[in-house]
């Protein structure tokens, strides 16, 4: 089975996929600027965790996402058919 990736800028689609995988919007601690969130990430259980990441609101996450003109590339399943939490933030 081949893995397939999807790229989107739709906030509802991104939020739904992240929450279905128990993820939370986050930024890398120490990268914030005076205007708001730092480098964007998604914190998944078993990932980098709260030592490296700071949870932020969806509003702050999407404000930075839109300001930086990013798109969300994600994978629904691994080639093995298992559920995947792979994602990447890419330029639009």
Protein backbone atom coordinates (compact mmCIF):
# COMPACT_ATOMS: atom_id res chain seq x y z
CA UNK A 1 0.00 0.00 0.00
CA UNK A 2 1.44 3.41 -0.94
CA UNK A 3 1.37 6.32 1.46
CA UNK A 4 -0.34 9.46 0.23
CA UNK A 5 0.27 13.03 1.31
CA UNK A 6 -2.18 15.91 1.25
CA UNK A 7 -1.37 19.61 1.33
CA UNK A 8 -3.89 22.13 2.65
CA UNK A 9 -4.29 25.62 4.06
CA UNK A 10 -7.79 24.94 5.40
CA UNK A 11 -7.81 25.67 9.13
CA UNK A 12 -10.68 23.28 9.90
CA UNK A 13 -9.04 20.41 8.02
CA UNK A 14 -5.70 20.97 9.77
CA UNK A 15 -7.27 21.24 13.22
CA UNK A 16 -9.41 18.14 12.65
CA UNK A 17 -6.41 16.04 11.51
CA UNK A 18 -4.24 17.21 14.43
CA UNK A 19 -6.95 16.59 17.03
CA UNK A 20 -7.78 13.15 15.57
CA UNK A 21 -4.13 12.28 16.30
CA UNK A 22 -4.23 13.78 19.84
CA UNK A 23 -1.93 16.63 18.82
CA UNK A 24 -1.85 20.16 20.20
CA UNK A 25 -0.73 23.42 18.55
CA UNK A 26 2.68 24.50 19.81
CA UNK A 27 5.73 26.60 19.13
CA UNK A 28 9.40 25.92 19.87
CA UNK A 29 10.22 27.40 23.27
CA UNK A 30 12.58 30.38 23.04
CA UNK A 31 11.79 31.26 19.40
CA UNK A 32 8.93 33.67 20.08
CA UNK A 33 9.16 37.21 18.80
CA UNK A 34 7.49 40.35 20.12
CA UNK A 35 4.60 39.77 17.74
CA UNK A 36 3.57 36.35 18.97
CA UNK A 37 4.27 32.66 18.42
CA UNK A 38 7.68 31.31 17.53
CA UNK A 39 8.56 28.44 15.21
CA UNK A 40 5.36 26.42 14.75
CA UNK A 41 5.07 22.75 15.63
CA UNK A 42 2.41 20.22 16.56
CA UNK A 43 2.95 18.38 19.85
CA UNK A 44 1.93 14.73 19.59
CA UNK A 45 2.00 12.27 22.51
CA UNK A 46 5.50 10.82 22.73
CA UNK A 47 6.96 13.71 20.72
CA UNK A 48 9.37 16.46 21.81
CA UNK A 49 7.08 17.41 24.68
CA UNK A 50 6.71 20.41 26.90
CA UNK A 51 10.43 20.80 27.65
CA UNK A 52 11.04 21.94 24.07
CA UNK A 53 7.56 23.07 23.04
CA UNK A 54 5.09 25.56 24.40
CA UNK A 55 1.40 24.90 23.78
CA UNK A 56 -0.35 27.86 22.18
CA UNK A 57 -3.93 28.57 21.13
CA UNK A 58 -5.22 27.59 17.72
CA UNK A 59 -5.86 31.29 17.06
CA UNK A 60 -2.18 32.15 17.68
CA UNK A 61 -1.00 29.11 15.71
CA UNK A 62 -3.13 29.96 12.68
CA UNK A 63 -2.22 33.67 12.86
CA UNK A 64 1.47 32.75 12.52
CA UNK A 65 0.64 30.07 9.90
CA UNK A 66 -1.16 32.64 7.73
CA UNK A 67 1.38 35.44 8.35
CA UNK A 68 4.20 33.14 7.22
CA UNK A 69 2.14 31.98 4.20
CA UNK A 70 2.52 28.32 5.12
CA UNK A 71 0.69 25.21 3.98
CA UNK A 72 0.24 21.98 5.94
CA UNK A 73 1.44 18.79 4.26
CA UNK A 74 0.32 15.64 6.06
CA UNK A 75 0.18 11.89 5.60
CA UNK A 76 -2.96 9.91 6.49
CA UNK A 77 -1.29 6.49 6.55
CA UNK A 78 2.17 5.01 6.39
CA UNK A 79 2.97 2.70 3.47
CA UNK A 80 2.31 -0.20 5.89
CA UNK A 81 -1.28 1.01 6.34
CA UNK A 82 -0.71 2.21 9.90
CA UNK A 83 -2.01 5.61 10.95
CA UNK A 84 0.58 8.37 10.48
CA UNK A 85 1.36 11.59 12.35
CA UNK A 86 3.82 12.78 9.71
CA UNK A 87 3.37 16.42 8.77
CA UNK A 88 5.47 19.25 7.44
CA UNK A 89 4.90 22.98 7.19
CA UNK A 90 5.78 24.13 3.68
CA UNK A 91 5.69 27.40 1.76
CA UNK A 92 2.50 28.03 -0.22
